[in-house]
Amino acid sequence: MAMQADEIERLIRDAIPDADVTIRDLAGDGDHYAAHVVSPSFAGMTRVKQHKAVYDALGGRMGGELHALQLTTAVPN
């Protein structure tokens, strides 16, 4: 079963409460999403660690109910 955009957003916000999260359905199939996550908690973290924090928030759903996620992360300006 595919994940819904609001569930992806909720999981990320639960794990990273100060995050500004934008989710887009890339293919209209509920299976391929883009996520843009901006969080002050990413300050001082490498991009790899930022991405790991988001993937950890998804609790192992990548490759299962969430097939593809195009992820971008940033620290607020």
PDB file of N, CA and C in Angstrom:
ATOM      1  N   MET A   1       0.847  -1.190   0.000  1.00  0.00           N
ATOM      2  CA  MET A   1       0.000   0.000   0.000  1.00  0.00           C
ATOM      3  C   MET A   1       0.889   1.248   0.000  1.00  0.00           C
ATOM      4  N   ALA A   2       0.573   2.192  -0.837  1.00  0.00           N
ATOM      5  CA  ALA A   2       1.351   3.428  -0.966  1.00  0.00           C
ATOM      6  C   ALA A   2       1.067   4.366   0.205  1.00  0.00           C
ATOM      7  N   MET A   3       2.045   5.213   0.494  1.00  0.00           N
ATOM      8  CA  MET A   3       1.875   6.229   1.538  1.00  0.00           C
ATOM      9  C   MET A   3       1.255   7.477   0.940  1.00  0.00           C
ATOM     10  N   GLN A   4       0.554   8.200   1.759  1.00  0.00           N
ATOM     11  CA  GLN A   4      -0.020   9.479   1.357  1.00  0.00           C
ATOM     12  C   GLN A   4       0.942  10.597   1.761  1.00  0.00           C
ATOM     13  N   ALA A   5       0.907  11.693   1.013  1.00  0.00           N
ATOM     14  CA  ALA A   5       1.795  12.827   1.275  1.00  0.00           C
ATOM     15  C   ALA A   5       1.641  13.338   2.701  1.00  0.00           C
ATOM     16  N   ASP A   6       0.414  13.401   3.220  1.00  0.00           N
ATOM     17  CA  ASP A   6       0.212  13.931   4.568  1.00  0.00           C
ATOM     18  C   ASP A   6       0.820  13.015   5.626  1.00  0.00           C
ATOM     19  N   GLU A   7       0.871  11.711   5.358  1.00  0.00           N
ATOM     20  CA  GLU A   7       1.498  10.792   6.310  1.00  0.00           C
ATOM     21  C   GLU A   7       3.020  10.976   6.316  1.00  0.00           C
ATOM     22  N   ILE A   8       3.604  11.164   5.139  1.00  0.00           N
ATOM     23  CA  ILE A   8       5.046  11.421   5.052  1.00  0.00           C
ATOM     24  C   ILE A   8       5.375  12.698   5.824  1.00  0.00           C
ATOM     25  N   GLU A   9       4.590  13.748   5.592  1.00  0.00           N
ATOM     26  CA  GLU A   9       4.809  15.026   6.282  1.00  0.00           C
ATOM     27  C   GLU A   9       4.676  14.857   7.793  1.00  0.00           C
ATOM     28  N   ARG A  10       3.676  14.126   8.240  1.00  0.00           N
ATOM     29  CA  ARG A  10       3.450  13.914   9.676  1.00  0.00           C
ATOM     30  C   ARG A  10       4.641  13.188  10.312  1.00  0.00           C
ATOM     31  N   LEU A  11       5.129  12.130   9.659  1.00  0.00           N
ATOM     32  CA  LEU A  11       6.262  11.377  10.199  1.00  0.00           C
ATOM     33  C   LEU A  11       7.500  12.259  10.347  1.00  0.00           C
ATOM     34  N   ILE A  12       7.748  13.085   9.335  1.00  0.00           N
ATOM     35  CA  ILE A  12       8.916  13.973   9.390  1.00  0.00           C
ATOM     36  C   ILE A  12       8.739  15.017  10.489  1.00  0.00           C
ATOM     37  N   ARG A  13       7.553  15.626  10.565  1.00  0.00           N
ATOM     38  CA  ARG A  13       7.309  16.650  11.590  1.00  0.00           C
ATOM     39  C   ARG A  13       7.350  16.064  12.999  1.00  0.00           C
ATOM     40  N   ASP A  14       6.887  14.816  13.171  1.00  0.00           N
ATOM     41  CA  ASP A  14       6.943  14.176  14.495  1.00  0.00           C
ATOM     42  C   ASP A  14       8.385  14.017  14.955  1.00  0.00           C
ATOM     43  N   ALA A  15       9.283  13.666  14.022  1.00  0.00           N
ATOM     44  CA  ALA A  15      10.690  13.431  14.370  1.00  0.00           C
ATOM     45  C   ALA A  15      11.511  14.718  14.397  1.00  0.00           C
ATOM     46  N   ILE A  16      11.112  15.688  13.568  1.00  0.00           N
ATOM     47  CA  ILE A  16      11.848  16.959  13.464  1.00  0.00           C
ATOM     48  C   ILE A  16      10.816  18.082  13.604  1.00  0.00           C
ATOM     49  N   PRO A  17      10.394  18.357  14.861  1.00  0.00           N
ATOM     50  CA  PRO A  17       9.261  19.278  15.088  1.00  0.00           C
ATOM     51  C   PRO A  17       9.432  20.678  14.532  1.00  0.00           C
ATOM     52  N   ASP A  18      10.683  21.162  14.428  1.00  0.00           N
ATOM     53  CA  ASP A  18      10.878  22.528  13.949  1.00  0.00           C
ATOM     54  C   ASP A  18      11.002  22.601  12.424  1.00  0.00           C
ATOM     55  N   ALA A  19      10.759  21.495  11.746  1.00  0.00           N
ATOM     56  CA  ALA A  19      10.957  21.438  10.293  1.00  0.00           C
ATOM     57  C   ALA A  19       9.820  22.106   9.527  1.00  0.00           C
ATOM     58  N   ASP A  20      10.205  22.740   8.438  1.00  0.00           N
ATOM     59  CA  ASP A  20       9.262  23.229   7.435  1.00  0.00           C
ATOM     60  C   ASP A  20       9.303  22.174   6.327  1.00  0.00           C
ATOM     61  N   VAL A  21       8.199  21.471   6.121  1.00  0.00           N
ATOM     62  CA  VAL A  21       8.170  20.311   5.223  1.00  0.00           C
ATOM     63  C   VAL A  21       7.234  20.579   4.057  1.00  0.00           C
ATOM     64  N   THR A  22       7.729  20.349   2.836  1.00  0.00           N
ATOM     65  CA  THR A  22       6.919  20.444   1.631  1.00  0.00           C
ATOM     66  C   THR A  22       7.013  19.106   0.902  1.00  0.00           C
ATOM     67  N   ILE A  23       5.867  18.495   0.631  1.00  0.00           N
ATOM     68  CA  ILE A  23       5.822  17.203  -0.062  1.00  0.00           C
ATOM     69  C   ILE A  23       5.087  17.391  -1.381  1.00  0.00           C
ATOM     70  N   ARG A  24       5.664  16.854  -2.465  1.00  0.00           N
ATOM     71  CA  ARG A  24       4.998  16.868  -3.769  1.00  0.00           C
ATOM     72  C   ARG A  24       4.927  15.447  -4.307  1.00  0.00           C
ATOM     73  N   ASP A  25       3.776  15.087  -4.871  1.00  0.00           N
ATOM     74  CA  ASP A  25       3.609  13.798  -5.548  1.00  0.00           C
ATOM     75  C   ASP A  25       4.115  13.981  -6.975  1.00  0.00           C
ATOM     76  N   LEU A  26       5.233  13.354  -7.298  1.00  0.00           N
ATOM     77  CA  LEU A  26       5.886  13.594  -8.586  1.00  0.00           C
ATOM     78  C   LEU A  26       5.181  12.948  -9.765  1.00  0.00           C
ATOM     79  N   ALA A  27       4.575  11.793  -9.552  1.00  0.00           N
ATOM     80  CA  ALA A  27       4.009  11.050 -10.675  1.00  0.00           C
ATOM     81  C   ALA A  27       2.491  10.899 -10.592  1.00  0.00           C
ATOM     82  N   GLY A  28       1.903  11.393  -9.521  1.00  0.00           N
ATOM     83  CA  GLY A  28       0.458  11.261  -9.362  1.00  0.00           C
ATOM     84  C   GLY A  28       0.023   9.853  -9.011  1.00  0.00           C
ATOM     85  N   ASP A  29       0.999   9.012  -8.614  1.00  0.00           N
ATOM     86  CA  ASP A  29       0.673   7.618  -8.330  1.00  0.00           C
ATOM     87  C   ASP A  29       0.753   7.273  -6.844  1.00  0.00           C
ATOM     88  N   GLY A  30       1.037   8.272  -5.988  1.00  0.00           N
ATOM     89  CA  GLY A  30       1.147   8.022  -4.562  1.00  0.00           C
ATOM     90  C   GLY A  30       2.350   7.174  -4.204  1.00  0.00           C
ATOM     91  N   ASP A  31       3.316   7.085  -5.098  1.00  0.00           N
ATOM     92  CA  ASP A  31       4.459   6.208  -4.909  1.00  0.00           C
ATOM     93  C   ASP A  31       5.800   6.924  -5.093  1.00  0.00           C
ATOM     94  N   HIS A  32       5.783   8.074  -5.761  1.00  0.00           N
ATOM     95  CA  HIS A  32       7.011   8.820  -6.056  1.00  0.00           C
ATOM     96  C   HIS A  32       6.825  10.262  -5.581  1.00  0.00           C
ATOM     97  N   TYR A  33       7.547  10.614  -4.528  1.00  0.00           N
ATOM     98  CA  TYR A  33       7.385  11.925  -3.911  1.00  0.00           C
ATOM     99  C   TYR A  33       8.699  12.705  -3.923  1.00  0.00           C
ATOM    100  N   ALA A  34       8.559  14.008  -3.819  1.00  0.00           N
ATOM    101  CA  ALA A  34       9.683  14.891  -3.544  1.00  0.00           C
ATOM    102  C   ALA A  34       9.410  15.528  -2.188  1.00  0.00           C
ATOM    103  N   ALA A  35      10.430  15.579  -1.347  1.00  0.00           N
ATOM    104  CA  ALA A  35      10.300  16.213  -0.037  1.00  0.00           C
ATOM    105  C   ALA A  35      11.392  17.269   0.097  1.00  0.00           C
ATOM    106  N   HIS A  36      10.980  18.456   0.515  1.00  0.00           N
ATOM    107  CA  HIS A  36      11.923  19.534   0.820  1.00  0.00           C
ATOM    108  C   HIS A  36      11.754  19.817   2.304  1.00  0.00           C
ATOM    109  N   VAL A  37      12.820  19.621   3.070  1.00  0.00           N
ATOM    110  CA  VAL A  37      12.761  19.751   4.522  1.00  0.00           C
ATOM    111  C   VAL A  37      13.788  20.798   4.964  1.00  0.00           C
ATOM    112  N   VAL A  38      13.289  21.840   5.624  1.00  0.00           N
ATOM    113  CA  VAL A  38      14.151  22.915   6.126  1.00  0.00           C
ATOM    114  C   VAL A  38      14.032  22.920   7.642  1.00  0.00           C
ATOM    115  N   SER A  39      15.180  22.829   8.332  1.00  0.00           N
ATOM    116  CA  SER A  39      15.132  22.768   9.787  1.00  0.00           C
ATOM    117  C   SER A  39      16.372  23.407  10.407  1.00  0.00           C
ATOM    118  N   PRO A  40      16.168  24.224  11.455  1.00  0.00           N
ATOM    119  CA  PRO A  40      17.311  24.764  12.187  1.00  0.00           C
ATOM    120  C   PRO A  40      18.156  23.652  12.808  1.00  0.00           C
ATOM    121  N   SER A  41      17.546  22.512  13.108  1.00  0.00           N
ATOM    122  CA  SER A  41      18.293  21.406  13.728  1.00  0.00           C
ATOM    123  C   SER A  41      19.329  20.802  12.781  1.00  0.00           C
ATOM    124  N   PHE A  42      19.250  21.138  11.493  1.00  0.00           N
ATOM    125  CA  PHE A  42      20.234  20.646  10.523  1.00  0.00           C
ATOM    126  C   PHE A  42      21.548  21.445  10.571  1.00  0.00           C
ATOM    127  N   ALA A  43      21.564  22.550  11.298  1.00  0.00           N
ATOM    128  CA  ALA A  43      22.767  23.390  11.362  1.00  0.00           C
ATOM    129  C   ALA A  43      23.953  22.568  11.859  1.00  0.00           C
ATOM    130  N   GLY A  44      25.063  22.664  11.149  1.00  0.00           N
ATOM    131  CA  GLY A  44      26.272  21.953  11.521  1.00  0.00           C
ATOM    132  C   GLY A  44      26.311  20.502  11.062  1.00  0.00           C
ATOM    133  N   MET A  45      25.229  20.024  10.463  1.00  0.00           N
ATOM    134  CA  MET A  45      25.180  18.646   9.972  1.00  0.00           C
ATOM    135  C   MET A  45      25.558  18.610   8.493  1.00  0.00           C
ATOM    136  N   THR A  46      26.243  17.555   8.075  1.00  0.00           N
ATOM    137  CA  THR A  46      26.501  17.376   6.654  1.00  0.00           C
ATOM    138  C   THR A  46      25.176  17.070   5.959  1.00  0.00           C
ATOM    139  N   ARG A  47      25.157  17.234   4.647  1.00  0.00           N
ATOM    140  CA  ARG A  47      23.947  16.922   3.885  1.00  0.00           C
ATOM    141  C   ARG A  47      23.553  15.447   4.079  1.00  0.00           C
ATOM    142  N   VAL A  48      24.551  14.571   4.129  1.00  0.00           N
ATOM    143  CA  VAL A  48      24.282  13.139   4.337  1.00  0.00           C
ATOM    144  C   VAL A  48      23.584  12.907   5.680  1.00  0.00           C
ATOM    145  N   LYS A  49      24.059  13.587   6.727  1.00  0.00           N
ATOM    146  CA  LYS A  49      23.430  13.428   8.044  1.00  0.00           C
ATOM    147  C   LYS A  49      22.028  14.026   8.074  1.00  0.00           C
ATOM    148  N   GLN A  50      21.829  15.130   7.349  1.00  0.00           N
ATOM    149  CA  GLN A  50      20.489  15.716   7.254  1.00  0.00           C
ATOM    150  C   GLN A  50      19.535  14.709   6.606  1.00  0.00           C
ATOM    151  N   HIS A  51      19.973  14.118   5.514  1.00  0.00           N
ATOM    152  CA  HIS A  51      19.131  13.146   4.806  1.00  0.00           C
ATOM    153  C   HIS A  51      18.874  11.926   5.685  1.00  0.00           C
ATOM    154  N   LYS A  52      19.890  11.472   6.404  1.00  0.00           N
ATOM    155  CA  LYS A  52      19.716  10.318   7.292  1.00  0.00           C
ATOM    156  C   LYS A  52      18.669  10.624   8.359  1.00  0.00           C
ATOM    157  N   ALA A  53      18.670  11.847   8.883  1.00  0.00           N
ATOM    158  CA  ALA A  53      17.679  12.228   9.896  1.00  0.00           C
ATOM    159  C   ALA A  53      16.268  12.120   9.333  1.00  0.00           C
ATOM    160  N   VAL A  54      16.088  12.530   8.080  1.00  0.00           N
ATOM    161  CA  VAL A  54      14.760  12.437   7.450  1.00  0.00           C
ATOM    162  C   VAL A  54      14.396  10.979   7.197  1.00  0.00           C
ATOM    163  N   TYR A  55      15.333  10.200   6.655  1.00  0.00           N
ATOM    164  CA  TYR A  55      15.052   8.779   6.411  1.00  0.00           C
ATOM    165  C   TYR A  55      14.754   8.051   7.718  1.00  0.00           C
ATOM    166  N   ASP A  56      15.479   8.382   8.788  1.00  0.00           N
ATOM    167  CA  ASP A  56      15.200   7.785  10.093  1.00  0.00           C
ATOM    168  C   ASP A  56      13.788   8.124  10.549  1.00  0.00           C
ATOM    169  N   ALA A  57      13.344   9.354  10.253  1.00  0.00           N
ATOM    170  CA  ALA A  57      11.993   9.771  10.624  1.00  0.00           C
ATOM    171  C   ALA A  57      10.932   8.925   9.927  1.00  0.00           C
ATOM    172  N   LEU A  58      11.270   8.426   8.754  1.00  0.00           N
ATOM    173  CA  LEU A  58      10.308   7.620   7.988  1.00  0.00           C
ATOM    174  C   LEU A  58      10.259   6.175   8.476  1.00  0.00           C
ATOM    175  N   GLY A  59      11.101   5.842   9.424  1.00  0.00           N
ATOM    176  CA  GLY A  59      11.009   4.568  10.115  1.00  0.00           C
ATOM    177  C   GLY A  59      11.107   3.330   9.240  1.00  0.00           C
ATOM    178  N   GLY A  60      11.997   3.329   8.285  1.00  0.00           N
ATOM    179  CA  GLY A  60      12.191   2.129   7.478  1.00  0.00           C
ATOM    180  C   GLY A  60      11.167   1.918   6.379  1.00  0.00           C
ATOM    181  N   ARG A  61      10.352   2.919   6.100  1.00  0.00           N
ATOM    182  CA  ARG A  61       9.323   2.762   5.064  1.00  0.00           C
ATOM    183  C   ARG A  61       9.864   2.912   3.640  1.00  0.00           C
ATOM    184  N   MET A  62      11.095   3.480   3.521  1.00  0.00           N
ATOM    185  CA  MET A  62      11.692   3.631   2.190  1.00  0.00           C
ATOM    186  C   MET A  62      11.901   2.256   1.563  1.00  0.00           C
ATOM    187  N   GLY A  63      11.541   2.137   0.303  1.00  0.00           N
ATOM    188  CA  GLY A  63      11.702   0.875  -0.402  1.00  0.00           C
ATOM    189  C   GLY A  63      10.543  -0.072  -0.179  1.00  0.00           C
ATOM    190  N   GLY A  64       9.690   0.242   0.780  1.00  0.00           N
ATOM    191  CA  GLY A  64       8.511  -0.568   1.044  1.00  0.00           C
ATOM    192  C   GLY A  64       7.283   0.185   0.582  1.00  0.00           C
ATOM    193  N   GLU A  65       6.531   0.701   1.554  1.00  0.00           N
ATOM    194  CA  GLU A  65       5.323   1.444   1.191  1.00  0.00           C
ATOM    195  C   GLU A  65       5.646   2.800   0.570  1.00  0.00           C
ATOM    196  N   LEU A  66       6.861   3.272   0.770  1.00  0.00           N
ATOM    197  CA  LEU A  66       7.319   4.497   0.114  1.00  0.00           C
ATOM    198  C   LEU A  66       8.408   4.105  -0.869  1.00  0.00           C
ATOM    199  N   HIS A  67       8.059   4.094  -2.135  1.00  0.00           N
ATOM    200  CA  HIS A  67       8.959   3.562  -3.156  1.00  0.00           C
ATOM    201  C   HIS A  67      10.108   4.511  -3.487  1.00  0.00           C
ATOM    202  N   ALA A  68       9.809   5.789  -3.703  1.00  0.00           N
ATOM    203  CA  ALA A  68      10.849   6.718  -4.126  1.00  0.00           C
ATOM    204  C   ALA A  68      10.612   8.089  -3.495  1.00  0.00           C
ATOM    205  N   LEU A  69      11.698   8.667  -2.978  1.00  0.00           N
ATOM    206  CA  LEU A  69      11.625   9.988  -2.377  1.00  0.00           C
ATOM    207  C   LEU A  69      12.807  10.812  -2.852  1.00  0.00           C
ATOM    208  N   GLN A  70      12.497  11.871  -3.591  1.00  0.00           N
ATOM    209  CA  GLN A  70      13.521  12.827  -4.016  1.00  0.00           C
ATOM    210  C   GLN A  70      13.639  13.831  -2.874  1.00  0.00           C
ATOM    211  N   LEU A  71      14.752  13.797  -2.171  1.00  0.00           N
ATOM    212  CA  LEU A  71      14.879  14.555  -0.933  1.00  0.00           C
ATOM    213  C   LEU A  71      15.853  15.716  -1.073  1.00  0.00           C
ATOM    214  N   THR A  72      15.434  16.886  -0.639  1.00  0.00           N
ATOM    215  CA  THR A  72      16.339  18.030  -0.486  1.00  0.00           C
ATOM    216  C   THR A  72      16.166  18.543   0.947  1.00  0.00           C
ATOM    217  N   THR A  73      17.282  18.935   1.543  1.00  0.00           N
ATOM    218  CA  THR A  73      17.258  19.458   2.907  1.00  0.00           C
ATOM    219  C   THR A  73      18.041  20.762   2.945  1.00  0.00           C
ATOM    220  N   ALA A  74      17.731  21.592   3.943  1.00  0.00           N
ATOM    221  CA  ALA A  74      18.408  22.874   4.079  1.00  0.00           C
ATOM    222  C   ALA A  74      18.249  23.396   5.494  1.00  0.00           C
ATOM    223  N   VAL A  75      19.124  24.341   5.825  1.00  0.00           N
ATOM    224  CA  VAL A  75      19.031  25.099   7.072  1.00  0.00           C
ATOM    225  C   VAL A  75      18.406  26.434   6.698  1.00  0.00           C
ATOM    226  N   PRO A  76      17.486  26.954   7.515  1.00  0.00           N
ATOM    227  CA  PRO A  76      16.880  28.254   7.174  1.00  0.00           C
ATOM    228  C   PRO A  76      17.951  29.343   7.055  1.00  0.00           C
ATOM    229  N   ASN A  77      17.698  30.314   6.188  1.00  0.00           N
ATOM    230  CA  ASN A  77      18.634  31.441   6.010  1.00  0.00           C
ATOM    231  C   ASN A  77      18.503  32.426   7.146  1.00  0.00           C
TER     232      ASN A  77
END
